[in-house]
PDB file of N, CA and C in Angstrom:
ATOM      1  N   MET A   1     -19.802 -14.287  12.469  1.00  0.00           N
ATOM      2  CA  MET A   1     -18.551 -13.260  12.114  1.00  0.00           C
ATOM      3  C   MET A   1     -18.308 -13.091  10.577  1.00  0.00           C
ATOM      4  N   ALA A   2     -18.039 -12.177  10.072  1.00  0.00           N
ATOM      5  CA  ALA A   2     -17.916 -12.141   8.531  1.00  0.00           C
ATOM      6  C   ALA A   2     -16.558 -12.566   8.450  1.00  0.00           C
ATOM      7  N   ALA A   3     -15.968 -12.926   7.211  1.00  0.00           N
ATOM      8  CA  ALA A   3     -14.802 -13.283   6.945  1.00  0.00           C
ATOM      9  C   ALA A   3     -14.028 -12.098   6.625  1.00  0.00           C
ATOM     10  N   ASN A   4     -12.717 -12.037   6.419  1.00  0.00           N
ATOM     11  CA  ASN A   4     -11.987 -10.861   6.292  1.00  0.00           C
ATOM     12  C   ASN A   4     -11.544 -10.742   4.915  1.00  0.00           C
ATOM     13  N   PRO A   5     -12.371  -9.476   4.037  1.00  0.00           N
ATOM     14  CA  PRO A   5     -12.313  -9.436   2.867  1.00  0.00           C
ATOM     15  C   PRO A   5     -10.960  -9.527   2.123  1.00  0.00           C
ATOM     16  N   ARG A   6      -9.661  -9.010   2.972  1.00  0.00           N
ATOM     17  CA  ARG A   6      -8.643  -9.026   2.581  1.00  0.00           C
ATOM     18  C   ARG A   6      -7.887 -10.545   2.243  1.00  0.00           C
ATOM     19  N   ASN A   7      -8.532 -11.776   2.555  1.00  0.00           N
ATOM     20  CA  ASN A   7      -8.476 -12.853   2.365  1.00  0.00           C
ATOM     21  C   ASN A   7      -8.925 -13.554   1.161  1.00  0.00           C
ATOM     22  N   GLY A   8     -10.020 -12.695   0.530  1.00  0.00           N
ATOM     23  CA  GLY A   8     -10.818 -12.839  -0.744  1.00  0.00           C
ATOM     24  C   GLY A   8     -10.062 -12.694  -1.735  1.00  0.00           C
ATOM     25  N   ARG A   9     -10.404 -13.638  -2.965  1.00  0.00           N
ATOM     26  CA  ARG A   9      -9.917 -13.800  -4.161  1.00  0.00           C
ATOM     27  C   ARG A   9      -9.996 -12.106  -4.742  1.00  0.00           C
ATOM     28  N   PRO A  10     -10.960 -11.449  -4.885  1.00  0.00           N
ATOM     29  CA  PRO A  10     -10.930 -10.299  -5.638  1.00  0.00           C
ATOM     30  C   PRO A  10      -9.867  -9.441  -4.812  1.00  0.00           C
ATOM     31  N   TYR A  11      -9.547  -9.101  -3.736  1.00  0.00           N
ATOM     32  CA  TYR A  11      -8.697  -8.442  -3.302  1.00  0.00           C
ATOM     33  C   TYR A  11      -6.967  -9.064  -3.537  1.00  0.00           C
ATOM     34  N   ARG A  12      -6.893 -10.301  -3.375  1.00  0.00           N
ATOM     35  CA  ARG A  12      -5.736 -10.981  -3.663  1.00  0.00           C
ATOM     36  C   ARG A  12      -5.229 -10.705  -5.069  1.00  0.00           C
ATOM     37  N   ARG A  13      -6.212 -10.739  -6.146  1.00  0.00           N
ATOM     38  CA  ARG A  13      -5.961 -10.469  -7.424  1.00  0.00           C
ATOM     39  C   ARG A  13      -5.749  -9.072  -7.812  1.00  0.00           C
ATOM     40  N   LEU A  14      -6.356  -8.338  -6.862  1.00  0.00           N
ATOM     41  CA  LEU A  14      -5.840  -6.783  -7.113  1.00  0.00           C
ATOM     42  C   LEU A  14      -4.653  -6.546  -6.669  1.00  0.00           C
ATOM     43  N   CYS A  15      -4.158  -7.502  -5.667  1.00  0.00           N
ATOM     44  CA  CYS A  15      -2.783  -6.968  -5.111  1.00  0.00           C
ATOM     45  C   CYS A  15      -1.753  -7.699  -5.906  1.00  0.00           C
ATOM     46  N   THR A  16      -2.028  -8.788  -6.812  1.00  0.00           N
ATOM     47  CA  THR A  16      -1.155  -9.223  -7.872  1.00  0.00           C
ATOM     48  C   THR A  16      -0.822  -8.693  -8.776  1.00  0.00           C
ATOM     49  N   ALA A  17      -1.928  -8.097  -9.274  1.00  0.00           N
ATOM     50  CA  ALA A  17      -2.125  -6.734 -10.501  1.00  0.00           C
ATOM     51  C   ALA A  17      -1.186  -5.787 -10.247  1.00  0.00           C
ATOM     52  N   GLN A  18      -1.399  -5.328  -9.025  1.00  0.00           N
ATOM     53  CA  GLN A  18      -0.700  -4.087  -8.705  1.00  0.00           C
ATOM     54  C   GLN A  18       0.777  -4.288  -8.770  1.00  0.00           C
ATOM     55  N   ARG A  19       0.993  -5.226  -7.868  1.00  0.00           N
ATOM     56  CA  ARG A  19       2.417  -5.832  -7.834  1.00  0.00           C
ATOM     57  C   ARG A  19       3.038  -6.024  -9.090  1.00  0.00           C
ATOM     58  N   ALA A  20       2.473  -6.751  -9.860  1.00  0.00           N
ATOM     59  CA  ALA A  20       3.254  -6.982 -11.562  1.00  0.00           C
ATOM     60  C   ALA A  20       3.478  -5.433 -11.960  1.00  0.00           C
ATOM     61  N   LEU A  21       2.824  -4.460 -11.760  1.00  0.00           N
ATOM     62  CA  LEU A  21       3.162  -3.216 -12.631  1.00  0.00           C
ATOM     63  C   LEU A  21       4.624  -2.798 -12.229  1.00  0.00           C
ATOM     64  N   LEU A  22       5.313  -3.119 -11.196  1.00  0.00           N
ATOM     65  CA  LEU A  22       6.630  -2.704 -10.183  1.00  0.00           C
ATOM     66  C   LEU A  22       6.684  -1.053 -10.224  1.00  0.00           C
ATOM     67  N   LEU A  23       5.815  -0.398  -9.965  1.00  0.00           N
ATOM     68  CA  LEU A  23       5.618   0.783  -9.587  1.00  0.00           C
ATOM     69  C   LEU A  23       6.595   1.273  -8.350  1.00  0.00           C
ATOM     70  N   PRO A  24       7.031   2.368  -8.475  1.00  0.00           N
ATOM     71  CA  PRO A  24       7.634   3.152  -7.234  1.00  0.00           C
ATOM     72  C   PRO A  24       6.453   3.226  -6.070  1.00  0.00           C
ATOM     73  N   CYS A  25       6.878   3.706  -4.976  1.00  0.00           N
ATOM     74  CA  CYS A  25       5.984   4.041  -3.938  1.00  0.00           C
ATOM     75  C   CYS A  25       5.405   5.062  -4.382  1.00  0.00           C
ATOM     76  N   TRP A  26       4.082   5.275  -4.469  1.00  0.00           N
ATOM     77  CA  TRP A  26       3.125   6.497  -4.862  1.00  0.00           C
ATOM     78  C   TRP A  26       3.223   7.240  -3.837  1.00  0.00           C
ATOM     79  N   TRP A  27       3.724   7.247  -2.847  1.00  0.00           N
ATOM     80  CA  TRP A  27       3.794   8.370  -1.332  1.00  0.00           C
ATOM     81  C   TRP A  27       5.215   8.838  -1.458  1.00  0.00           C
ATOM     82  N   CYS A  28       6.293   8.218  -1.445  1.00  0.00           N
ATOM     83  CA  CYS A  28       7.574   8.799  -1.419  1.00  0.00           C
ATOM     84  C   CYS A  28       8.280   8.812  -2.778  1.00  0.00           C
ATOM     85  N   GLY A  29       7.777   8.047  -3.928  1.00  0.00           N
ATOM     86  CA  GLY A  29       8.446   8.179  -5.062  1.00  0.00           C
ATOM     87  C   GLY A  29       9.698   7.048  -5.292  1.00  0.00           C
ATOM     88  N   LYS A  30      10.296   6.439  -4.290  1.00  0.00           N
ATOM     89  CA  LYS A  30      11.437   5.651  -4.304  1.00  0.00           C
ATOM     90  C   LYS A  30      10.767   4.090  -4.828  1.00  0.00           C
ATOM     91  N   PRO A  31      11.744   3.492  -5.179  1.00  0.00           N
ATOM     92  CA  PRO A  31      11.620   1.698  -5.436  1.00  0.00           C
ATOM     93  C   PRO A  31      11.116   1.117  -4.308  1.00  0.00           C
ATOM     94  N   ILE A  32      10.396   0.379  -4.617  1.00  0.00           N
ATOM     95  CA  ILE A  32       9.932  -0.829  -3.820  1.00  0.00           C
ATOM     96  C   ILE A  32      10.568  -2.267  -3.896  1.00  0.00           C
ATOM     97  N   ALA A  33      10.829  -2.937  -2.835  1.00  0.00           N
ATOM     98  CA  ALA A  33      11.714  -4.268  -2.896  1.00  0.00           C
ATOM     99  C   ALA A  33      10.550  -5.157  -3.154  1.00  0.00           C
ATOM    100  N   TYR A  34      10.309  -5.287  -4.443  1.00  0.00           N
ATOM    101  CA  TYR A  34       9.305  -6.462  -5.157  1.00  0.00           C
ATOM    102  C   TYR A  34       9.650  -7.714  -4.764  1.00  0.00           C
ATOM    103  N   GLU A  35      11.206  -7.654  -4.879  1.00  0.00           N
ATOM    104  CA  GLU A  35      11.718  -9.126  -4.616  1.00  0.00           C
ATOM    105  C   GLU A  35      11.113  -9.956  -3.250  1.00  0.00           C
ATOM    106  N   LEU A  36      11.060  -9.047  -2.218  1.00  0.00           N
ATOM    107  CA  LEU A  36      10.714  -9.662  -0.886  1.00  0.00           C
ATOM    108  C   LEU A  36       9.346 -10.238  -1.038  1.00  0.00           C
ATOM    109  N   THR A  37       9.100 -11.423  -0.442  1.00  0.00           N
ATOM    110  CA  THR A  37       8.005 -12.183  -0.417  1.00  0.00           C
ATOM    111  C   THR A  37       8.037 -12.817   0.856  1.00  0.00           C
ATOM    112  N   GLY A  38       6.839 -13.429   1.155  1.00  0.00           N
ATOM    113  CA  GLY A  38       6.339 -14.040   2.285  1.00  0.00           C
ATOM    114  C   GLY A  38       6.547 -13.305   3.583  1.00  0.00           C
ATOM    115  N   LEU A  39       7.197 -14.281   4.724  1.00  0.00           N
ATOM    116  CA  LEU A  39       7.523 -13.678   5.964  1.00  0.00           C
ATOM    117  C   LEU A  39       8.241 -12.359   5.872  1.00  0.00           C
ATOM    118  N   ALA A  40       9.608 -12.554   4.728  1.00  0.00           N
ATOM    119  CA  ALA A  40      10.264 -11.183   4.915  1.00  0.00           C
ATOM    120  C   ALA A  40       9.359 -10.047   4.313  1.00  0.00           C
ATOM    121  N   ALA A  41       8.704 -10.151   3.587  1.00  0.00           N
ATOM    122  CA  ALA A  41       7.746  -8.841   3.190  1.00  0.00           C
ATOM    123  C   ALA A  41       6.626  -8.536   4.186  1.00  0.00           C
ATOM    124  N   GLN A  42       6.444  -9.362   4.994  1.00  0.00           N
ATOM    125  CA  GLN A  42       5.596  -8.749   5.976  1.00  0.00           C
ATOM    126  C   GLN A  42       6.100  -7.990   7.213  1.00  0.00           C
ATOM    127  N   ARG A  43       7.276  -8.358   7.122  1.00  0.00           N
ATOM    128  CA  ARG A  43       8.079  -7.350   8.087  1.00  0.00           C
ATOM    129  C   ARG A  43       9.139  -6.198   7.732  1.00  0.00           C
ATOM    130  N   HIS A  44       9.426  -6.266   6.693  1.00  0.00           N
ATOM    131  CA  HIS A  44      10.191  -5.539   5.975  1.00  0.00           C
ATOM    132  C   HIS A  44       9.801  -4.065   5.448  1.00  0.00           C
ATOM    133  N   PRO A  45      10.493  -2.984   6.089  1.00  0.00           N
ATOM    134  CA  PRO A  45       9.641  -1.651   5.732  1.00  0.00           C
ATOM    135  C   PRO A  45       9.494  -1.255   4.223  1.00  0.00           C
ATOM    136  N   LEU A  46      10.679  -1.713   3.504  1.00  0.00           N
ATOM    137  CA  LEU A  46      10.547  -1.270   2.227  1.00  0.00           C
ATOM    138  C   LEU A  46       9.535  -2.345   1.147  1.00  0.00           C
ATOM    139  N   ALA A  47       9.071  -3.299   1.907  1.00  0.00           N
ATOM    140  CA  ALA A  47       8.474  -4.289   0.926  1.00  0.00           C
ATOM    141  C   ALA A  47       7.150  -3.548   0.164  1.00  0.00           C
ATOM    142  N   PHE A  48       6.578  -4.305  -0.526  1.00  0.00           N
ATOM    143  CA  PHE A  48       5.390  -3.760  -1.244  1.00  0.00           C
ATOM    144  C   PHE A  48       3.953  -4.079  -0.300  1.00  0.00           C
ATOM    145  N   THR A  49       3.377  -2.977  -0.371  1.00  0.00           N
ATOM    146  CA  THR A  49       1.878  -3.302   0.238  1.00  0.00           C
ATOM    147  C   THR A  49       0.952  -2.540  -0.649  1.00  0.00           C
ATOM    148  N   LEU A  50      -0.185  -2.806  -0.592  1.00  0.00           N
ATOM    149  CA  LEU A  50      -1.371  -2.088  -1.327  1.00  0.00           C
ATOM    150  C   LEU A  50      -2.069  -0.942  -0.349  1.00  0.00           C
ATOM    151  N   ASP A  51      -1.863   0.073  -1.049  1.00  0.00           N
ATOM    152  CA  ASP A  51      -2.165   1.225  -0.247  1.00  0.00           C
ATOM    153  C   ASP A  51      -3.552   1.896  -0.761  1.00  0.00           C
ATOM    154  N   HIS A  52      -4.318   2.413  -0.276  1.00  0.00           N
ATOM    155  CA  HIS A  52      -5.660   3.120  -0.967  1.00  0.00           C
ATOM    156  C   HIS A  52      -5.659   4.677  -1.249  1.00  0.00           C
ATOM    157  N   LEU A  53      -5.994   5.312  -2.276  1.00  0.00           N
ATOM    158  CA  LEU A  53      -6.056   6.592  -2.387  1.00  0.00           C
ATOM    159  C   LEU A  53      -6.747   7.216  -1.356  1.00  0.00           C
ATOM    160  N   VAL A  54      -8.347   6.627  -1.635  1.00  0.00           N
ATOM    161  CA  VAL A  54      -9.056   6.951  -0.493  1.00  0.00           C
ATOM    162  C   VAL A  54      -9.300   5.797   0.531  1.00  0.00           C
ATOM    163  N   PRO A  55      -8.676   6.240   2.079  1.00  0.00           N
ATOM    164  CA  PRO A  55      -8.472   5.179   3.023  1.00  0.00           C
ATOM    165  C   PRO A  55      -9.755   4.738   3.192  1.00  0.00           C
ATOM    166  N   LEU A  56      -9.616   3.203   3.456  1.00  0.00           N
ATOM    167  CA  LEU A  56     -10.889   2.376   3.909  1.00  0.00           C
ATOM    168  C   LEU A  56     -11.524   3.029   4.824  1.00  0.00           C
ATOM    169  N   SER A  57     -11.125   3.636   5.722  1.00  0.00           N
ATOM    170  CA  SER A  57     -11.783   4.315   7.188  1.00  0.00           C
ATOM    171  C   SER A  57     -12.466   5.561   6.361  1.00  0.00           C
ATOM    172  N   ARG A  58     -12.239   5.894   5.450  1.00  0.00           N
ATOM    173  CA  ARG A  58     -13.008   7.408   4.970  1.00  0.00           C
ATOM    174  C   ARG A  58     -13.933   6.952   3.649  1.00  0.00           C
ATOM    175  N   GLY A  59     -14.294   5.462   3.495  1.00  0.00           N
ATOM    176  CA  GLY A  59     -15.130   5.416   2.596  1.00  0.00           C
ATOM    177  C   GLY A  59     -14.343   4.676   1.304  1.00  0.00           C
ATOM    178  N   GLY A  60     -13.324   4.547   1.031  1.00  0.00           N
ATOM    179  CA  GLY A  60     -12.776   3.884   0.028  1.00  0.00           C
ATOM    180  C   GLY A  60     -12.915   2.515  -0.143  1.00  0.00           C
ATOM    181  N   ASP A  61     -12.935   2.149  -1.549  1.00  0.00           N
ATOM    182  CA  ASP A  61     -13.390   0.799  -2.036  1.00  0.00           C
ATOM    183  C   ASP A  61     -11.875  -0.019  -1.660  1.00  0.00           C
ATOM    184  N   LEU A  62     -12.092  -1.336  -0.998  1.00  0.00           N
ATOM    185  CA  LEU A  62     -10.805  -2.308  -0.765  1.00  0.00           C
ATOM    186  C   LEU A  62     -10.570  -2.753  -2.144  1.00  0.00           C
ATOM    187  N   THR A  63     -11.424  -3.293  -3.066  1.00  0.00           N
ATOM    188  CA  THR A  63     -11.145  -3.911  -4.311  1.00  0.00           C
ATOM    189  C   THR A  63     -11.571  -3.085  -5.562  1.00  0.00           C
ATOM    190  N   ASP A  64     -11.436  -1.687  -5.597  1.00  0.00           N
ATOM    191  CA  ASP A  64     -11.391  -0.856  -6.729  1.00  0.00           C
ATOM    192  C   ASP A  64     -10.045  -0.624  -7.314  1.00  0.00           C
ATOM    193  N   PRO A  65      -9.798  -1.093  -8.298  1.00  0.00           N
ATOM    194  CA  PRO A  65      -8.308  -0.929  -8.794  1.00  0.00           C
ATOM    195  C   PRO A  65      -8.170   0.844  -9.093  1.00  0.00           C
ATOM    196  N   THR A  66      -9.006   1.610  -9.372  1.00  0.00           N
ATOM    197  CA  THR A  66      -8.736   3.228  -9.662  1.00  0.00           C
ATOM    198  C   THR A  66      -8.197   3.365  -7.874  1.00  0.00           C
ATOM    199  N   ASN A  67      -8.523   2.881  -7.119  1.00  0.00           N
ATOM    200  CA  ASN A  67      -8.357   3.043  -5.469  1.00  0.00           C
ATOM    201  C   ASN A  67      -6.976   2.693  -4.972  1.00  0.00           C
ATOM    202  N   ALA A  68      -6.414   1.845  -5.907  1.00  0.00           N
ATOM    203  CA  ALA A  68      -5.167   0.926  -5.374  1.00  0.00           C
ATOM    204  C   ALA A  68      -3.980   1.634  -5.651  1.00  0.00           C
ATOM    205  N   ARG A  69      -2.889   1.614  -5.055  1.00  0.00           N
ATOM    206  CA  ARG A  69      -1.981   2.116  -5.256  1.00  0.00           C
ATOM    207  C   ARG A  69      -0.539   1.466  -4.566  1.00  0.00           C
ATOM    208  N   SER A  70       0.712   1.363  -5.193  1.00  0.00           N
ATOM    209  CA  SER A  70       1.624   0.668  -4.577  1.00  0.00           C
ATOM    210  C   SER A  70       2.430   1.593  -3.694  1.00  0.00           C
ATOM    211  N   ALA A  71       2.912   0.980  -2.360  1.00  0.00           N
ATOM    212  CA  ALA A  71       3.675   1.696  -1.643  1.00  0.00           C
ATOM    213  C   ALA A  71       4.533   0.573  -0.472  1.00  0.00           C
ATOM    214  N   HIS A  72       5.453   1.453  -0.019  1.00  0.00           N
ATOM    215  CA  HIS A  72       6.184   0.791   0.773  1.00  0.00           C
ATOM    216  C   HIS A  72       5.449   0.702   2.040  1.00  0.00           C
ATOM    217  N   ARG A  73       5.636  -0.474   2.828  1.00  0.00           N
ATOM    218  CA  ARG A  73       4.868  -1.005   4.121  1.00  0.00           C
ATOM    219  C   ARG A  73       5.231   0.437   5.048  1.00  0.00           C
ATOM    220  N   ARG A  74       6.296   1.052   5.498  1.00  0.00           N
ATOM    221  CA  ARG A  74       6.391   2.025   6.035  1.00  0.00           C
ATOM    222  C   ARG A  74       5.697   3.177   5.730  1.00  0.00           C
ATOM    223  N   CYS A  75       5.664   3.467   4.403  1.00  0.00           N
ATOM    224  CA  CYS A  75       5.086   4.871   4.064  1.00  0.00           C
ATOM    225  C   CYS A  75       3.740   4.326   4.010  1.00  0.00           C
ATOM    226  N   ASN A  76       3.102   3.587   3.902  1.00  0.00           N
ATOM    227  CA  ASN A  76       1.474   3.159   4.163  1.00  0.00           C
ATOM    228  C   ASN A  76       1.186   3.359   5.456  1.00  0.00           C
ATOM    229  N   SER A  77       1.753   2.846   6.552  1.00  0.00           N
ATOM    230  CA  SER A  77       1.853   2.914   7.938  1.00  0.00           C
ATOM    231  C   SER A  77       2.053   4.043   8.404  1.00  0.00           C
ATOM    232  N   ALA A  78       2.844   4.827   8.088  1.00  0.00           N
ATOM    233  CA  ALA A  78       2.955   6.306   8.438  1.00  0.00           C
ATOM    234  C   ALA A  78       1.899   7.169   8.242  1.00  0.00           C
ATOM    235  N   ARG A  79       1.581   6.930   6.719  1.00  0.00           N
ATOM    236  CA  ARG A  79       0.319   7.659   6.016  1.00  0.00           C
ATOM    237  C   ARG A  79      -1.022   7.456   7.159  1.00  0.00           C
ATOM    238  N   GLY A  80      -1.136   6.362   7.422  1.00  0.00           N
ATOM    239  CA  GLY A  80      -2.442   6.453   8.375  1.00  0.00           C
ATOM    240  C   GLY A  80      -3.468   6.517   7.263  1.00  0.00           C
ATOM    241  N   ASN A  81      -4.546   7.472   7.808  1.00  0.00           N
ATOM    242  CA  ASN A  81      -5.761   7.563   7.091  1.00  0.00           C
ATOM    243  C   ASN A  81      -5.938   9.044   6.446  1.00  0.00           C
ATOM    244  N   ARG A  82      -4.641   9.596   6.307  1.00  0.00           N
ATOM    245  CA  ARG A  82      -4.871  11.048   5.707  1.00  0.00           C
ATOM    246  C   ARG A  82      -5.167  10.644   4.149  1.00  0.00           C
ATOM    247  N   THR A  83      -5.675  11.710   3.631  1.00  0.00           N
ATOM    248  CA  THR A  83      -6.166  11.784   2.167  1.00  0.00           C
ATOM    249  C   THR A  83      -4.984  12.526   1.593  1.00  0.00           C
ATOM    250  N   ASP A  84      -5.283  12.198   0.281  1.00  0.00           N
ATOM    251  CA  ASP A  84      -4.108  12.909  -0.542  1.00  0.00           C
ATOM    252  C   ASP A  84      -4.110  14.528  -0.478  1.00  0.00           C
ATOM    253  N   ALA A  85      -5.323  15.233   0.039  1.00  0.00           N
ATOM    254  CA  ALA A  85      -5.123  16.401  -0.170  1.00  0.00           C
ATOM    255  C   ALA A  85      -4.606  17.141   1.285  1.00  0.00           C
ATOM    256  N   ALA A  86      -4.492  15.939   2.190  1.00  0.00           N
ATOM    257  CA  ALA A  86      -3.768  16.264   3.478  1.00  0.00           C
ATOM    258  C   ALA A  86      -2.427  15.891   3.283  1.00  0.00           C
ATOM    259  N   ARG A  87      -1.904  15.753   1.789  1.00  0.00           N
ATOM    260  CA  ARG A  87      -0.601  15.306   1.988  1.00  0.00           C
ATOM    261  C   ARG A  87       0.470  15.846   2.490  1.00  0.00           C
ATOM    262  N   GLN A  88       1.143  15.254   3.143  1.00  0.00           N
ATOM    263  CA  GLN A  88       2.420  15.874   3.840  1.00  0.00           C
ATOM    264  C   GLN A  88       3.648  14.880   3.865  1.00  0.00           C
ATOM    265  N   PRO A  89       4.655  15.052   3.690  1.00  0.00           N
ATOM    266  CA  PRO A  89       6.066  14.108   3.513  1.00  0.00           C
ATOM    267  C   PRO A  89       5.883  13.258   4.795  1.00  0.00           C
ATOM    268  N   VAL A  90       6.055  12.010   4.414  1.00  0.00           N
ATOM    269  CA  VAL A  90       5.808  11.073   5.698  1.00  0.00           C
ATOM    270  C   VAL A  90       7.076  11.010   6.295  1.00  0.00           C
ATOM    271  N   ARG A  91       8.277  11.220   6.066  1.00  0.00           N
ATOM    272  CA  ARG A  91       9.664  10.877   6.437  1.00  0.00           C
ATOM    273  C   ARG A  91      10.578  12.202   6.031  1.00  0.00           C
ATOM    274  N   SER A  92      10.117  13.418   6.087  1.00  0.00           N
ATOM    275  CA  SER A  92      10.931  14.399   5.715  1.00  0.00           C
ATOM    276  C   SER A  92      12.140  14.487   6.435  1.00  0.00           C
ATOM    277  N   SER A  93      12.716  14.077   7.822  1.00  0.00           N
ATOM    278  CA  SER A  93      13.680  14.153   8.535  1.00  0.00           C
ATOM    279  C   SER A  93      14.525  12.630   7.994  1.00  0.00           C
ATOM    280  N   ARG A  94      13.971  11.669   7.808  1.00  0.00           N
ATOM    281  CA  ARG A  94      14.709  10.290   7.746  1.00  0.00           C
ATOM    282  C   ARG A  94      15.652  10.241   6.344  1.00  0.00           C
ATOM    283  N   ARG A  95      16.386   9.454   6.495  1.00  0.00           N
ATOM    284  CA  ARG A  95      17.165   9.153   5.518  1.00  0.00           C
ATOM    285  C   ARG A  95      17.073   7.864   5.219  1.00  0.00           C
ATOM    286  N   TRP A  96      17.204   7.282   3.697  1.00  0.00           N
ATOM    287  CA  TRP A  96      17.207   6.006   3.124  1.00  0.00           C
ATOM    288  C   TRP A  96      18.529   5.332   3.532  1.00  0.00           C
TER     289      TRP A  96
END
């Protein structure tokens, strides 16, 4: 069985570099709670997660910096594997 590539050094390095940019969520444009780390970040909907412009399920590269985007955990989950061309508001009816 192959190891999980998200546990590898290149992916972790990409996450660290993307997090250091302190960018807003590329999907909704709102600030990300970068101060959340550890278990809190794994569960909090506004925590940072690395999203991919071209979803991995559609051939996107896991460790390509040009495919990496900063996103809220909930935006990334709600987006699923939609591409930017099929962009629709993730939470048009939700309030922050």
